[in-house]
């Protein structure tokens, strides 16, 4: 299977795990229940987030819908040039996370293109996220590492120009 296909498979796995975990969270944690996973570090509690990270921009949910749609389209376009396994992982994780957030924005209450993202992993009271956030954060970290190391999408090694003498 070509790298683009593997990117799509990884994105589908991230999407399926994220959406199924959100389905569980909505059904199991809807009554305000909190589940301690690691005391004082990780709890599970339901939060419907109309904004972005830390609930920033709660009044402009439609902007996040457009941003997620643009990210999905951009990743699908750029992904056609993949020749690197590492970049396949990056784009697959980013595509899965962005697609899952886009679906939340489009189809969850309170309405089309204004939906709230389901967050349920509470990191010690600092912030609450979900599986898609983990994939997006990990994908971004790996993206920065690959960029700093000069590893291109097409996998060809970068040839450095000799310094002028």
N, C-alpha and C. Protein backbone atom coordinates (compact mmCIF):
# COMPACT_ATOMS: atom_id res chain seq x y z
N UNK A 1 0.86 -1.17 0.00
CA UNK A 1 0.00 0.00 0.00
C UNK A 1 0.91 1.24 0.00
N UNK A 2 0.56 2.19 -0.80
CA UNK A 2 1.34 3.43 -0.85
C UNK A 2 1.19 4.21 0.44
N UNK A 3 2.11 5.13 0.65
CA UNK A 3 2.14 5.93 1.88
C UNK A 3 0.82 6.69 2.08
N UNK A 4 0.23 7.20 1.01
CA UNK A 4 -1.04 7.94 1.12
C UNK A 4 -2.11 7.03 1.72
N UNK A 5 -2.14 5.80 1.29
CA UNK A 5 -3.10 4.82 1.83
C UNK A 5 -2.87 4.57 3.31
N UNK A 6 -1.60 4.45 3.71
CA UNK A 6 -1.29 4.25 5.13
C UNK A 6 -1.67 5.47 5.95
N UNK A 7 -1.48 6.65 5.36
CA UNK A 7 -1.90 7.87 6.05
C UNK A 7 -3.40 7.83 6.32
N UNK A 8 -4.17 7.42 5.31
CA UNK A 8 -5.62 7.34 5.47
C UNK A 8 -6.03 6.29 6.49
N UNK A 9 -5.31 5.17 6.52
CA UNK A 9 -5.61 4.12 7.50
C UNK A 9 -5.35 4.64 8.91
N UNK A 10 -4.21 5.28 9.12
CA UNK A 10 -3.91 5.83 10.44
C UNK A 10 -4.95 6.87 10.84
N UNK A 11 -5.32 7.73 9.92
CA UNK A 11 -6.34 8.75 10.20
C UNK A 11 -7.66 8.09 10.59
N UNK A 12 -8.04 7.02 9.89
CA UNK A 12 -9.29 6.32 10.20
C UNK A 12 -9.23 5.69 11.59
N UNK A 13 -8.07 5.17 11.99
CA UNK A 13 -7.92 4.58 13.32
C UNK A 13 -8.06 5.67 14.39
N UNK A 14 -7.37 6.80 14.20
CA UNK A 14 -7.48 7.91 15.15
C UNK A 14 -8.94 8.37 15.24
N UNK A 15 -9.59 8.54 14.11
CA UNK A 15 -10.98 8.97 14.07
C UNK A 15 -11.89 7.98 14.80
N UNK A 16 -11.72 6.69 14.54
CA UNK A 16 -12.58 5.67 15.17
C UNK A 16 -12.37 5.62 16.69
N UNK A 17 -11.11 5.65 17.11
CA UNK A 17 -10.82 5.59 18.55
C UNK A 17 -11.36 6.85 19.24
N UNK A 18 -11.14 8.01 18.61
CA UNK A 18 -11.61 9.26 19.22
C UNK A 18 -13.13 9.29 19.31
N UNK A 19 -13.80 9.01 18.22
CA UNK A 19 -15.27 9.08 18.23
C UNK A 19 -15.89 8.03 19.14
N UNK A 20 -15.32 6.83 19.18
CA UNK A 20 -15.88 5.81 20.07
C UNK A 20 -15.63 6.17 21.54
N UNK A 21 -14.47 6.76 21.85
CA UNK A 21 -14.21 7.18 23.23
C UNK A 21 -15.13 8.33 23.62
N UNK A 22 -15.44 9.22 22.68
CA UNK A 22 -16.38 10.31 22.96
C UNK A 22 -17.79 9.77 23.19
N UNK A 23 -18.17 8.77 22.40
CA UNK A 23 -19.48 8.14 22.58
C UNK A 23 -19.57 7.55 23.99
N UNK A 24 -18.50 6.87 24.41
CA UNK A 24 -18.47 6.32 25.76
C UNK A 24 -18.57 7.43 26.79
N UNK A 25 -17.78 8.48 26.63
CA UNK A 25 -17.74 9.58 27.61
C UNK A 25 -19.11 10.22 27.76
N UNK A 26 -19.78 10.48 26.65
CA UNK A 26 -21.10 11.11 26.70
C UNK A 26 -22.10 10.21 27.43
N UNK A 27 -22.01 8.90 27.21
CA UNK A 27 -22.96 8.00 27.85
C UNK A 27 -22.60 7.69 29.31
N UNK A 28 -21.31 7.60 29.63
CA UNK A 28 -20.90 7.19 30.98
C UNK A 28 -20.67 8.35 31.93
N UNK A 29 -20.32 9.51 31.41
CA UNK A 29 -19.95 10.62 32.29
C UNK A 29 -20.96 11.77 32.25
N UNK A 30 -22.08 11.59 31.59
CA UNK A 30 -23.05 12.66 31.38
C UNK A 30 -23.65 13.19 32.69
N UNK A 31 -23.69 12.37 33.71
CA UNK A 31 -24.32 12.80 34.96
C UNK A 31 -23.35 13.54 35.87
N UNK A 32 -22.23 14.00 35.34
CA UNK A 32 -21.26 14.74 36.13
C UNK A 32 -20.27 13.86 36.87
N UNK A 33 -20.33 12.58 36.60
CA UNK A 33 -19.43 11.64 37.25
C UNK A 33 -17.97 11.94 36.89
N UNK A 34 -17.11 11.76 37.86
CA UNK A 34 -15.66 11.89 37.65
C UNK A 34 -15.02 10.54 37.97
N UNK A 35 -14.12 10.12 37.10
CA UNK A 35 -13.42 8.86 37.31
C UNK A 35 -11.94 9.17 37.42
N UNK A 36 -11.35 8.83 38.57
CA UNK A 36 -9.92 9.06 38.77
C UNK A 36 -9.14 7.93 38.12
N UNK A 37 -8.22 8.29 37.24
CA UNK A 37 -7.37 7.30 36.57
C UNK A 37 -6.01 7.26 37.27
N UNK A 38 -5.37 8.39 37.39
CA UNK A 38 -4.13 8.55 38.15
C UNK A 38 -4.38 9.71 39.11
N UNK A 39 -4.42 9.43 40.43
CA UNK A 39 -4.78 10.49 41.38
C UNK A 39 -3.96 11.77 41.18
N UNK A 40 -4.68 12.90 41.16
CA UNK A 40 -4.14 14.24 41.01
C UNK A 40 -3.41 14.47 39.69
N UNK A 41 -3.52 13.54 38.75
CA UNK A 41 -2.87 13.71 37.44
C UNK A 41 -3.88 13.59 36.31
N UNK A 42 -4.65 12.50 36.30
CA UNK A 42 -5.62 12.29 35.21
C UNK A 42 -6.95 11.83 35.79
N UNK A 43 -8.00 12.56 35.40
CA UNK A 43 -9.38 12.19 35.71
C UNK A 43 -10.15 12.16 34.41
N UNK A 44 -11.24 11.46 34.42
CA UNK A 44 -12.17 11.49 33.30
C UNK A 44 -13.40 12.25 33.76
N UNK A 45 -13.76 13.30 33.02
CA UNK A 45 -14.97 14.08 33.31
C UNK A 45 -15.41 14.73 32.00
N UNK A 46 -16.69 14.80 31.81
CA UNK A 46 -17.26 15.30 30.55
C UNK A 46 -17.28 16.82 30.51
N UNK A 47 -16.82 17.35 29.38
CA UNK A 47 -16.87 18.79 29.12
C UNK A 47 -17.20 18.97 27.63
N UNK A 48 -18.23 19.73 27.34
CA UNK A 48 -18.58 20.03 25.95
C UNK A 48 -18.01 21.40 25.62
N UNK A 49 -17.01 21.42 24.76
CA UNK A 49 -16.21 22.61 24.52
C UNK A 49 -16.64 23.33 23.24
N UNK A 50 -17.20 24.53 23.37
CA UNK A 50 -17.60 25.30 22.19
C UNK A 50 -16.42 26.04 21.55
N UNK A 51 -15.31 26.13 22.24
CA UNK A 51 -14.16 26.90 21.75
C UNK A 51 -13.02 26.03 21.31
N UNK A 52 -11.84 26.62 21.30
CA UNK A 52 -10.61 25.90 20.97
C UNK A 52 -9.95 25.49 22.28
N UNK A 53 -8.63 25.35 22.26
CA UNK A 53 -7.90 24.98 23.47
C UNK A 53 -8.22 25.96 24.59
N UNK A 54 -8.42 25.41 25.78
CA UNK A 54 -8.75 26.21 26.98
C UNK A 54 -10.05 27.01 26.79
N UNK A 55 -10.93 26.54 25.90
CA UNK A 55 -12.23 27.16 25.60
C UNK A 55 -12.11 28.58 25.05
N UNK A 56 -10.99 28.87 24.42
CA UNK A 56 -10.79 30.18 23.79
C UNK A 56 -11.70 30.29 22.57
N UNK A 57 -12.33 31.43 22.37
CA UNK A 57 -13.15 31.67 21.19
C UNK A 57 -14.50 31.00 21.20
N UNK A 58 -15.12 30.92 22.36
CA UNK A 58 -16.41 30.23 22.47
C UNK A 58 -17.49 30.81 21.58
N UNK A 59 -17.40 32.07 21.24
CA UNK A 59 -18.44 32.71 20.44
C UNK A 59 -18.26 32.59 18.94
N UNK A 60 -17.16 31.99 18.52
CA UNK A 60 -16.88 31.90 17.08
C UNK A 60 -16.61 30.46 16.66
N UNK A 61 -17.47 29.57 17.12
CA UNK A 61 -17.32 28.15 16.81
C UNK A 61 -17.24 27.89 15.31
N UNK A 62 -17.96 28.65 14.52
CA UNK A 62 -17.98 28.45 13.07
C UNK A 62 -16.58 28.67 12.47
N UNK A 63 -15.77 29.52 13.09
CA UNK A 63 -14.40 29.74 12.61
C UNK A 63 -13.59 28.45 12.77
N UNK A 64 -13.76 27.76 13.89
CA UNK A 64 -13.05 26.51 14.12
C UNK A 64 -13.53 25.43 13.16
N UNK A 65 -14.79 25.47 12.80
CA UNK A 65 -15.32 24.54 11.80
C UNK A 65 -14.62 24.75 10.47
N UNK A 66 -14.51 26.01 10.05
CA UNK A 66 -13.82 26.31 8.78
C UNK A 66 -12.33 25.95 8.85
N UNK A 67 -11.70 26.22 9.99
CA UNK A 67 -10.28 25.90 10.14
C UNK A 67 -10.05 24.39 10.07
N UNK A 68 -10.90 23.63 10.72
CA UNK A 68 -10.76 22.17 10.67
C UNK A 68 -10.98 21.64 9.26
N UNK A 69 -11.98 22.20 8.56
CA UNK A 69 -12.23 21.77 7.17
C UNK A 69 -11.03 22.11 6.28
N UNK A 70 -10.46 23.28 6.46
CA UNK A 70 -9.28 23.68 5.67
C UNK A 70 -8.10 22.77 5.99
N UNK A 71 -7.92 22.41 7.26
CA UNK A 71 -6.83 21.50 7.63
C UNK A 71 -7.00 20.14 6.99
N UNK A 72 -8.21 19.61 7.02
CA UNK A 72 -8.47 18.30 6.40
C UNK A 72 -8.17 18.35 4.91
N UNK A 73 -8.66 19.36 4.23
CA UNK A 73 -8.43 19.50 2.79
C UNK A 73 -6.93 19.67 2.49
N UNK A 74 -6.26 20.50 3.29
CA UNK A 74 -4.83 20.73 3.09
C UNK A 74 -4.01 19.47 3.29
N UNK A 75 -4.31 18.71 4.33
CA UNK A 75 -3.57 17.47 4.59
C UNK A 75 -3.82 16.45 3.48
N UNK A 76 -5.06 16.33 3.03
CA UNK A 76 -5.35 15.40 1.93
C UNK A 76 -4.58 15.79 0.67
N UNK A 77 -4.46 17.07 0.41
CA UNK A 77 -3.74 17.56 -0.77
C UNK A 77 -2.23 17.31 -0.63
N UNK A 78 -1.66 17.73 0.48
CA UNK A 78 -0.22 17.60 0.70
C UNK A 78 0.18 16.13 0.81
N UNK A 79 -0.68 15.32 1.38
CA UNK A 79 -0.40 13.90 1.58
C UNK A 79 -0.14 13.13 0.31
N UNK A 80 -0.56 13.66 -0.82
CA UNK A 80 -0.33 12.96 -2.09
C UNK A 80 1.15 12.90 -2.44
N UNK A 81 1.97 13.75 -1.82
CA UNK A 81 3.41 13.78 -2.11
C UNK A 81 4.23 12.93 -1.15
N UNK A 82 3.57 12.21 -0.25
CA UNK A 82 4.28 11.45 0.78
C UNK A 82 5.19 10.38 0.20
N UNK A 83 6.42 10.35 0.72
CA UNK A 83 7.35 9.27 0.41
C UNK A 83 8.12 8.88 1.68
N UNK A 84 7.79 9.52 2.78
CA UNK A 84 8.48 9.31 4.06
C UNK A 84 7.53 8.65 5.05
N UNK A 85 8.02 7.60 5.71
CA UNK A 85 7.19 6.92 6.72
C UNK A 85 6.88 7.84 7.89
N UNK A 86 7.86 8.61 8.31
CA UNK A 86 7.65 9.50 9.46
C UNK A 86 6.59 10.55 9.13
N UNK A 87 6.65 11.13 7.94
CA UNK A 87 5.65 12.13 7.55
C UNK A 87 4.28 11.47 7.37
N UNK A 88 4.25 10.20 7.01
CA UNK A 88 2.98 9.48 6.90
C UNK A 88 2.30 9.42 8.26
N UNK A 89 3.09 9.16 9.31
CA UNK A 89 2.56 9.13 10.67
C UNK A 89 2.07 10.52 11.08
N UNK A 90 2.87 11.54 10.80
CA UNK A 90 2.49 12.92 11.14
C UNK A 90 1.16 13.28 10.50
N UNK A 91 1.08 13.14 9.19
CA UNK A 91 -0.13 13.57 8.48
C UNK A 91 -1.33 12.69 8.82
N UNK A 92 -1.10 11.40 9.07
CA UNK A 92 -2.20 10.52 9.47
C UNK A 92 -2.78 10.93 10.82
N UNK A 93 -1.90 11.24 11.78
CA UNK A 93 -2.37 11.67 13.10
C UNK A 93 -3.10 13.00 13.01
N UNK A 94 -2.53 13.94 12.25
CA UNK A 94 -3.17 15.26 12.11
C UNK A 94 -4.50 15.15 11.37
N UNK A 95 -4.55 14.34 10.32
CA UNK A 95 -5.80 14.17 9.57
C UNK A 95 -6.88 13.53 10.43
N UNK A 96 -6.53 12.49 11.18
CA UNK A 96 -7.52 11.84 12.05
C UNK A 96 -8.06 12.78 13.11
N UNK A 97 -7.17 13.53 13.76
CA UNK A 97 -7.60 14.47 14.80
C UNK A 97 -8.44 15.60 14.24
N UNK A 98 -7.99 16.17 13.13
CA UNK A 98 -8.74 17.29 12.53
C UNK A 98 -10.11 16.83 12.02
N UNK A 99 -10.16 15.65 11.43
CA UNK A 99 -11.43 15.13 10.92
C UNK A 99 -12.41 14.88 12.06
N UNK A 100 -11.91 14.33 13.16
CA UNK A 100 -12.78 14.06 14.30
C UNK A 100 -13.34 15.36 14.89
N UNK A 101 -12.49 16.36 15.02
CA UNK A 101 -12.98 17.65 15.52
C UNK A 101 -13.96 18.28 14.54
N UNK A 102 -13.68 18.14 13.25
CA UNK A 102 -14.61 18.67 12.24
C UNK A 102 -15.98 18.00 12.37
N UNK A 103 -16.00 16.69 12.55
CA UNK A 103 -17.28 16.00 12.70
C UNK A 103 -18.02 16.47 13.94
N UNK A 104 -17.29 16.69 15.04
CA UNK A 104 -17.93 17.23 16.25
C UNK A 104 -18.56 18.59 15.94
N UNK A 105 -17.79 19.46 15.29
CA UNK A 105 -18.28 20.81 14.98
C UNK A 105 -19.50 20.76 14.05
N UNK A 106 -19.50 19.84 13.12
CA UNK A 106 -20.60 19.78 12.15
C UNK A 106 -21.87 19.14 12.72
N UNK A 107 -21.71 18.07 13.51
CA UNK A 107 -22.88 17.26 13.82
C UNK A 107 -23.29 17.17 15.29
N UNK A 108 -22.53 17.74 16.19
CA UNK A 108 -22.93 17.69 17.60
C UNK A 108 -23.74 18.94 17.96
N UNK A 109 -24.54 18.84 19.04
CA UNK A 109 -25.28 20.02 19.48
C UNK A 109 -24.32 21.14 19.84
N UNK A 110 -24.73 22.39 19.71
CA UNK A 110 -26.10 22.86 19.57
C UNK A 110 -26.59 22.93 18.12
N UNK A 111 -25.74 22.72 17.11
CA UNK A 111 -26.25 22.77 15.75
C UNK A 111 -25.14 22.67 14.73
N UNK A 112 -25.54 22.52 13.47
CA UNK A 112 -24.62 22.34 12.36
C UNK A 112 -23.60 23.48 12.30
N UNK A 113 -22.33 23.12 12.22
CA UNK A 113 -21.18 24.04 12.13
C UNK A 113 -20.96 24.84 13.41
N UNK A 114 -21.75 24.55 14.45
CA UNK A 114 -21.59 25.22 15.75
C UNK A 114 -21.46 24.20 16.87
N UNK A 115 -21.24 22.94 16.52
CA UNK A 115 -21.20 21.87 17.51
C UNK A 115 -20.04 22.00 18.48
N UNK A 116 -20.24 21.44 19.66
CA UNK A 116 -19.22 21.47 20.70
C UNK A 116 -18.39 20.19 20.64
N UNK A 117 -17.10 20.32 20.85
CA UNK A 117 -16.20 19.18 20.87
C UNK A 117 -16.32 18.51 22.24
N UNK A 118 -16.39 17.18 22.23
CA UNK A 118 -16.48 16.42 23.47
C UNK A 118 -15.07 16.22 24.03
N UNK A 119 -14.83 16.80 25.20
CA UNK A 119 -13.57 16.61 25.91
C UNK A 119 -13.87 15.84 27.19
N UNK A 120 -12.94 14.98 27.59
CA UNK A 120 -13.21 14.19 28.79
C UNK A 120 -11.95 13.74 29.54
N UNK A 121 -10.77 14.00 29.04
CA UNK A 121 -9.55 13.62 29.75
C UNK A 121 -9.03 14.87 30.45
N UNK A 122 -9.16 14.90 31.76
CA UNK A 122 -8.76 16.04 32.57
C UNK A 122 -7.33 15.82 33.06
N UNK A 123 -6.44 16.70 32.62
CA UNK A 123 -5.03 16.60 32.98
C UNK A 123 -4.74 17.44 34.22
N UNK A 124 -5.08 16.90 35.37
CA UNK A 124 -4.78 17.54 36.65
C UNK A 124 -5.37 18.92 36.83
N UNK A 125 -6.49 19.19 36.19
CA UNK A 125 -7.13 20.49 36.31
C UNK A 125 -6.52 21.55 35.42
N UNK A 126 -5.48 21.23 34.66
CA UNK A 126 -4.86 22.21 33.77
C UNK A 126 -5.69 22.43 32.51
N UNK A 127 -6.13 21.34 31.92
CA UNK A 127 -6.99 21.41 30.75
C UNK A 127 -7.67 20.06 30.57
N UNK A 128 -8.72 20.05 29.74
CA UNK A 128 -9.47 18.83 29.47
C UNK A 128 -9.43 18.62 27.95
N UNK A 129 -9.10 17.42 27.53
CA UNK A 129 -8.99 17.13 26.10
C UNK A 129 -9.61 15.79 25.75
N UNK A 130 -9.18 15.27 24.61
CA UNK A 130 -9.71 14.00 24.11
C UNK A 130 -8.62 13.28 23.31
N UNK A 131 -8.94 12.15 22.75
CA UNK A 131 -7.97 11.34 22.01
C UNK A 131 -7.48 12.10 20.76
N UNK A 132 -8.36 12.82 20.09
CA UNK A 132 -7.94 13.60 18.91
C UNK A 132 -6.90 14.64 19.29
N UNK A 133 -7.05 15.24 20.46
CA UNK A 133 -6.07 16.23 20.93
C UNK A 133 -4.70 15.58 21.14
N UNK A 134 -4.70 14.36 21.65
CA UNK A 134 -3.44 13.63 21.84
C UNK A 134 -2.79 13.39 20.48
N UNK A 135 -3.58 12.96 19.49
CA UNK A 135 -3.04 12.72 18.14
C UNK A 135 -2.55 14.02 17.51
N UNK A 136 -3.30 15.09 17.67
CA UNK A 136 -2.89 16.39 17.11
C UNK A 136 -1.61 16.91 17.76
N UNK A 137 -1.52 16.79 19.08
CA UNK A 137 -0.33 17.26 19.79
C UNK A 137 0.89 16.42 19.42
N UNK A 138 0.72 15.11 19.40
CA UNK A 138 1.82 14.23 19.01
C UNK A 138 2.24 14.46 17.56
N UNK A 139 1.25 14.63 16.68
CA UNK A 139 1.55 14.91 15.27
C UNK A 139 2.31 16.21 15.09
N UNK A 140 1.90 17.23 15.82
CA UNK A 140 2.59 18.54 15.74
C UNK A 140 4.01 18.45 16.28
N UNK A 141 4.20 17.71 17.37
CA UNK A 141 5.55 17.57 17.93
C UNK A 141 6.46 16.86 16.94
N UNK A 142 5.96 15.78 16.33
CA UNK A 142 6.76 15.06 15.34
C UNK A 142 6.99 15.92 14.10
N UNK A 143 6.00 16.70 13.70
CA UNK A 143 6.15 17.62 12.56
C UNK A 143 7.29 18.60 12.82
N UNK A 144 7.34 19.16 14.01
CA UNK A 144 8.41 20.10 14.34
C UNK A 144 9.77 19.40 14.32
N UNK A 145 9.84 18.18 14.85
CA UNK A 145 11.09 17.44 14.85
C UNK A 145 11.56 17.15 13.43
N UNK A 146 10.66 16.70 12.58
CA UNK A 146 11.03 16.41 11.19
C UNK A 146 11.45 17.68 10.45
N UNK A 147 10.77 18.77 10.74
CA UNK A 147 11.12 20.04 10.10
C UNK A 147 12.50 20.52 10.53
N UNK A 148 12.76 20.44 11.84
CA UNK A 148 14.06 20.86 12.35
C UNK A 148 15.18 19.99 11.78
N UNK A 149 14.91 18.72 11.62
CA UNK A 149 15.91 17.80 11.08
C UNK A 149 16.02 17.87 9.57
N UNK A 150 15.12 18.63 8.92
CA UNK A 150 15.19 18.81 7.47
C UNK A 150 14.73 17.61 6.67
N UNK A 151 13.83 16.83 7.22
CA UNK A 151 13.33 15.64 6.52
C UNK A 151 12.10 16.05 5.72
N UNK A 152 12.18 16.00 4.39
CA UNK A 152 11.06 16.44 3.55
C UNK A 152 9.98 15.36 3.39
N UNK A 153 8.81 15.79 2.95
CA UNK A 153 7.69 14.88 2.71
C UNK A 153 8.03 13.75 1.75
N UNK A 154 8.82 14.09 0.75
CA UNK A 154 9.11 13.08 -0.28
C UNK A 154 10.23 12.13 0.12
N UNK A 155 10.82 12.32 1.31
CA UNK A 155 11.80 11.39 1.82
C UNK A 155 13.19 11.50 1.23
N UNK A 156 13.39 12.41 0.31
CA UNK A 156 14.72 12.54 -0.30
C UNK A 156 15.64 13.25 0.69
N UNK A 157 16.88 12.78 0.80
CA UNK A 157 17.79 13.44 1.73
C UNK A 157 18.14 14.84 1.24
N UNK A 158 18.22 15.75 2.20
CA UNK A 158 18.59 17.12 1.87
C UNK A 158 20.10 17.19 1.69
N UNK A 159 20.54 17.78 0.61
CA UNK A 159 21.97 17.96 0.35
C UNK A 159 22.32 19.37 0.74
N UNK A 160 23.26 19.49 1.67
CA UNK A 160 23.66 20.81 2.10
C UNK A 160 24.69 21.38 1.15
N UNK A 161 24.52 22.63 0.87
CA UNK A 161 25.49 23.34 0.02
C UNK A 161 26.76 23.57 0.83
N UNK A 162 27.93 23.37 0.21
CA UNK A 162 29.15 23.67 0.95
C UNK A 162 29.24 25.16 1.22
N UNK A 163 29.77 25.49 2.39
CA UNK A 163 29.91 26.89 2.77
C UNK A 163 30.94 27.56 1.88
N UNK A 164 30.65 28.80 1.49
CA UNK A 164 31.64 29.49 0.66
C UNK A 164 32.93 29.69 1.44
N UNK A 165 34.06 29.55 0.71
CA UNK A 165 35.35 29.71 1.40
C UNK A 165 35.91 31.08 1.28
